[in-house]
Amino acid sequence: MLFPATKPSGSVSPIGGIGDLLRPPGELGWSRGVDLHGRGFLRRDALLTQAADGGPRRFAGAVGNTEEPHPVLGTGGRRGGPDG
């Protein structure tokens, strides 16, 4: 089996729309395979701008403790709960 079956976890809520789910080659780790100064291709200017701005975005994730959810979850998001 190429990809083992796994149970999905987490959620995705793109703030800027579906475009936030799309990733350029640099964010996928494919930078070595892209020749920015060779033949032209779609979105080349965007990748050159990204490279000039310091490279692709870096992402970090967090996995919460589902056994002990944060107390604010019990307040329904209202102020004045255990944390504020």
N, C-alpha and C. Protein backbone atom coordinates (compact mmCIF):
# COMPACT_ATOMS: atom_id res chain seq x y z
N MET A 1 0.85 -1.18 0.00
CA MET A 1 0.00 0.00 0.00
C MET A 1 0.90 1.24 0.00
N LEU A 2 0.68 2.12 -0.95
CA LEU A 2 1.51 3.31 -1.08
C LEU A 2 1.33 4.25 0.11
N PHE A 3 0.09 4.55 0.45
CA PHE A 3 -0.19 5.41 1.59
C PHE A 3 -1.04 4.63 2.58
N PRO A 4 -0.55 4.39 3.77
CA PRO A 4 -1.34 3.64 4.74
C PRO A 4 -2.57 4.45 5.17
N ALA A 5 -3.63 3.75 5.46
CA ALA A 5 -4.85 4.41 5.93
C ALA A 5 -4.60 4.97 7.32
N THR A 6 -4.95 6.23 7.51
CA THR A 6 -4.80 6.86 8.82
C THR A 6 -6.07 7.57 9.17
N LYS A 7 -6.26 7.78 10.44
CA LYS A 7 -7.42 8.52 10.92
C LYS A 7 -7.12 10.01 10.80
N PRO A 8 -7.96 10.78 10.10
CA PRO A 8 -7.71 12.21 9.99
C PRO A 8 -7.81 12.90 11.34
N SER A 9 -7.00 13.93 11.52
CA SER A 9 -7.07 14.70 12.76
C SER A 9 -6.89 16.17 12.43
N GLY A 10 -7.33 17.02 13.33
CA GLY A 10 -7.20 18.46 13.14
C GLY A 10 -8.30 19.01 12.25
N SER A 11 -8.16 20.28 11.92
CA SER A 11 -9.14 20.93 11.06
C SER A 11 -8.45 22.02 10.25
N VAL A 12 -9.12 22.45 9.21
CA VAL A 12 -8.59 23.51 8.36
C VAL A 12 -9.67 24.55 8.18
N SER A 13 -9.32 25.78 8.43
CA SER A 13 -10.23 26.89 8.22
C SER A 13 -9.44 28.01 7.55
N PRO A 14 -9.31 27.99 6.21
CA PRO A 14 -8.51 29.00 5.54
C PRO A 14 -9.11 30.39 5.69
N ILE A 15 -8.31 31.33 6.19
CA ILE A 15 -8.78 32.69 6.42
C ILE A 15 -8.96 33.43 5.11
N GLY A 16 -8.02 33.27 4.19
CA GLY A 16 -8.06 34.01 2.94
C GLY A 16 -8.73 33.27 1.81
N GLY A 17 -9.46 32.21 2.11
CA GLY A 17 -10.12 31.43 1.07
C GLY A 17 -9.29 30.23 0.67
N ILE A 18 -9.71 29.57 -0.38
CA ILE A 18 -9.08 28.33 -0.83
C ILE A 18 -7.62 28.54 -1.23
N GLY A 19 -7.26 29.75 -1.63
CA GLY A 19 -5.87 30.04 -2.00
C GLY A 19 -4.90 29.82 -0.86
N ASP A 20 -5.37 29.92 0.39
CA ASP A 20 -4.50 29.66 1.53
C ASP A 20 -4.11 28.20 1.64
N LEU A 21 -4.84 27.33 0.96
CA LEU A 21 -4.53 25.90 1.01
C LEU A 21 -3.50 25.51 -0.05
N LEU A 22 -3.28 26.38 -1.04
CA LEU A 22 -2.34 26.09 -2.12
C LEU A 22 -0.94 26.51 -1.69
N ARG A 23 0.06 25.75 -2.05
CA ARG A 23 1.43 26.02 -1.62
C ARG A 23 2.37 26.12 -2.82
N PRO A 24 3.26 27.13 -2.81
CA PRO A 24 4.27 27.23 -3.86
C PRO A 24 5.38 26.20 -3.63
N PRO A 25 6.22 25.96 -4.64
CA PRO A 25 7.26 24.94 -4.52
C PRO A 25 8.17 25.10 -3.31
N GLY A 26 8.52 26.32 -2.94
CA GLY A 26 9.41 26.54 -1.81
C GLY A 26 8.84 26.03 -0.50
N GLU A 27 7.54 26.18 -0.31
CA GLU A 27 6.91 25.72 0.92
C GLU A 27 6.78 24.21 0.96
N LEU A 28 6.84 23.58 -0.20
CA LEU A 28 6.75 22.13 -0.26
C LEU A 28 8.13 21.47 -0.23
N GLY A 29 9.18 22.29 -0.18
CA GLY A 29 10.53 21.75 -0.16
C GLY A 29 11.05 21.39 -1.54
N TRP A 30 10.45 21.93 -2.58
CA TRP A 30 10.84 21.62 -3.96
C TRP A 30 11.72 22.70 -4.58
N SER A 31 12.31 23.58 -3.78
CA SER A 31 13.06 24.72 -4.31
C SER A 31 14.19 24.30 -5.23
N ARG A 32 14.85 23.19 -4.91
CA ARG A 32 15.98 22.74 -5.74
C ARG A 32 15.55 22.37 -7.15
N GLY A 33 14.30 22.01 -7.33
CA GLY A 33 13.82 21.59 -8.64
C GLY A 33 13.27 22.71 -9.50
N VAL A 34 13.33 23.95 -9.00
CA VAL A 34 12.77 25.08 -9.74
C VAL A 34 13.90 26.02 -10.15
N ASP A 35 14.04 26.24 -11.45
CA ASP A 35 15.05 27.15 -11.98
C ASP A 35 14.39 28.50 -12.22
N LEU A 36 14.53 29.42 -11.27
CA LEU A 36 13.87 30.72 -11.37
C LEU A 36 14.46 31.60 -12.47
N HIS A 37 15.67 31.32 -12.89
CA HIS A 37 16.32 32.16 -13.89
C HIS A 37 16.40 31.49 -15.25
N GLY A 38 15.78 30.36 -15.41
CA GLY A 38 15.76 29.65 -16.69
C GLY A 38 14.57 30.11 -17.52
N ARG A 39 14.01 29.18 -18.26
CA ARG A 39 12.87 29.45 -19.12
C ARG A 39 11.69 29.95 -18.29
N GLY A 40 10.88 30.82 -18.87
CA GLY A 40 9.72 31.36 -18.18
C GLY A 40 8.65 30.31 -17.92
N PHE A 41 7.87 30.51 -16.89
CA PHE A 41 6.76 29.62 -16.56
C PHE A 41 5.73 30.40 -15.75
N LEU A 42 4.55 29.86 -15.64
CA LEU A 42 3.48 30.51 -14.88
C LEU A 42 3.91 30.74 -13.44
N ARG A 43 3.58 31.89 -12.91
CA ARG A 43 3.84 32.27 -11.52
C ARG A 43 5.32 32.47 -11.21
N ARG A 44 6.14 32.57 -12.25
CA ARG A 44 7.58 32.78 -12.04
C ARG A 44 7.83 34.09 -11.30
N ASP A 45 7.14 35.16 -11.70
CA ASP A 45 7.34 36.46 -11.04
C ASP A 45 6.98 36.39 -9.56
N ALA A 46 5.93 35.65 -9.23
CA ALA A 46 5.53 35.51 -7.83
C ALA A 46 6.61 34.78 -7.03
N LEU A 47 7.22 33.76 -7.62
CA LEU A 47 8.28 33.02 -6.93
C LEU A 47 9.54 33.87 -6.78
N LEU A 48 9.84 34.70 -7.79
CA LEU A 48 10.99 35.60 -7.68
C LEU A 48 10.76 36.62 -6.56
N THR A 49 9.54 37.14 -6.46
CA THR A 49 9.21 38.08 -5.39
C THR A 49 9.33 37.40 -4.03
N GLN A 50 8.82 36.19 -3.94
CA GLN A 50 8.91 35.44 -2.68
C GLN A 50 10.36 35.21 -2.28
N ALA A 51 11.20 34.85 -3.25
CA ALA A 51 12.62 34.63 -2.97
C ALA A 51 13.29 35.92 -2.51
N ALA A 52 12.95 37.05 -3.13
CA ALA A 52 13.51 38.34 -2.75
C ALA A 52 13.07 38.76 -1.36
N ASP A 53 11.88 38.33 -0.94
CA ASP A 53 11.35 38.67 0.38
C ASP A 53 11.88 37.77 1.49
N GLY A 54 12.77 36.86 1.15
CA GLY A 54 13.35 36.01 2.18
C GLY A 54 12.96 34.55 2.11
N GLY A 55 12.26 34.18 1.08
CA GLY A 55 11.92 32.77 0.92
C GLY A 55 10.50 32.45 1.31
N PRO A 56 10.17 31.17 1.29
CA PRO A 56 8.80 30.75 1.57
C PRO A 56 8.43 30.90 3.04
N ARG A 57 7.14 30.92 3.29
CA ARG A 57 6.65 30.96 4.67
C ARG A 57 7.05 29.67 5.38
N ARG A 58 7.16 29.73 6.68
CA ARG A 58 7.42 28.53 7.47
C ARG A 58 6.20 28.29 8.33
N PHE A 59 5.81 27.07 8.42
CA PHE A 59 4.61 26.72 9.16
C PHE A 59 4.97 25.95 10.42
N ALA A 60 4.16 26.15 11.42
CA ALA A 60 4.30 25.39 12.66
C ALA A 60 2.91 24.92 13.05
N GLY A 61 2.85 23.81 13.67
CA GLY A 61 1.57 23.27 14.10
C GLY A 61 1.62 22.93 15.57
N ALA A 62 0.49 22.70 16.14
CA ALA A 62 0.39 22.32 17.54
C ALA A 62 -0.65 21.22 17.68
N VAL A 63 -0.37 20.31 18.56
CA VAL A 63 -1.31 19.25 18.86
C VAL A 63 -1.76 19.46 20.28
N GLY A 64 -3.07 19.60 20.47
CA GLY A 64 -3.60 19.84 21.80
C GLY A 64 -3.80 18.57 22.59
N ASN A 65 -3.91 18.72 23.88
CA ASN A 65 -4.19 17.61 24.77
C ASN A 65 -5.69 17.43 24.83
N THR A 66 -6.21 16.40 24.19
CA THR A 66 -7.66 16.20 24.14
C THR A 66 -8.21 15.66 25.45
N GLU A 67 -7.34 15.17 26.32
CA GLU A 67 -7.80 14.66 27.61
C GLU A 67 -8.11 15.80 28.58
N GLU A 68 -7.39 16.92 28.45
CA GLU A 68 -7.59 18.06 29.33
C GLU A 68 -7.69 19.33 28.49
N PRO A 69 -8.85 19.57 27.85
CA PRO A 69 -8.97 20.77 27.02
C PRO A 69 -8.80 22.04 27.85
N HIS A 70 -8.37 23.08 27.18
CA HIS A 70 -8.15 24.36 27.84
C HIS A 70 -9.44 24.83 28.49
N PRO A 71 -9.37 25.39 29.70
CA PRO A 71 -10.59 25.81 30.40
C PRO A 71 -11.46 26.79 29.63
N VAL A 72 -10.88 27.60 28.73
CA VAL A 72 -11.69 28.57 28.01
C VAL A 72 -12.72 27.89 27.12
N LEU A 73 -12.47 26.64 26.75
CA LEU A 73 -13.44 25.93 25.91
C LEU A 73 -14.76 25.74 26.65
N GLY A 74 -14.71 25.67 27.96
CA GLY A 74 -15.94 25.50 28.74
C GLY A 74 -16.73 26.79 28.92
N THR A 75 -16.14 27.94 28.60
CA THR A 75 -16.84 29.21 28.78
C THR A 75 -17.58 29.64 27.53
N GLY A 76 -17.46 28.88 26.46
CA GLY A 76 -18.10 29.27 25.21
C GLY A 76 -17.44 30.48 24.59
N GLY A 77 -16.20 30.76 24.96
CA GLY A 77 -15.47 31.90 24.40
C GLY A 77 -15.78 33.21 25.08
N ARG A 78 -16.59 33.19 26.13
CA ARG A 78 -16.95 34.43 26.84
C ARG A 78 -15.81 34.87 27.75
N ARG A 79 -15.70 36.17 27.94
CA ARG A 79 -14.72 36.69 28.90
C ARG A 79 -15.22 36.40 30.31
N GLY A 80 -14.30 36.39 31.23
CA GLY A 80 -14.68 36.16 32.61
C GLY A 80 -14.60 34.71 33.02
N GLY A 81 -14.09 33.87 32.10
CA GLY A 81 -13.91 32.46 32.43
C GLY A 81 -12.68 32.29 33.30
N PRO A 82 -12.23 31.08 33.48
CA PRO A 82 -11.10 30.80 34.36
C PRO A 82 -9.83 31.57 33.99
N ASP A 83 -9.66 31.89 32.71
CA ASP A 83 -8.44 32.58 32.29
C ASP A 83 -8.67 34.04 31.91
N GLY A 84 -9.77 34.59 32.24
CA GLY A 84 -9.85 35.98 31.91
C GLY A 84 -11.11 36.57 31.56
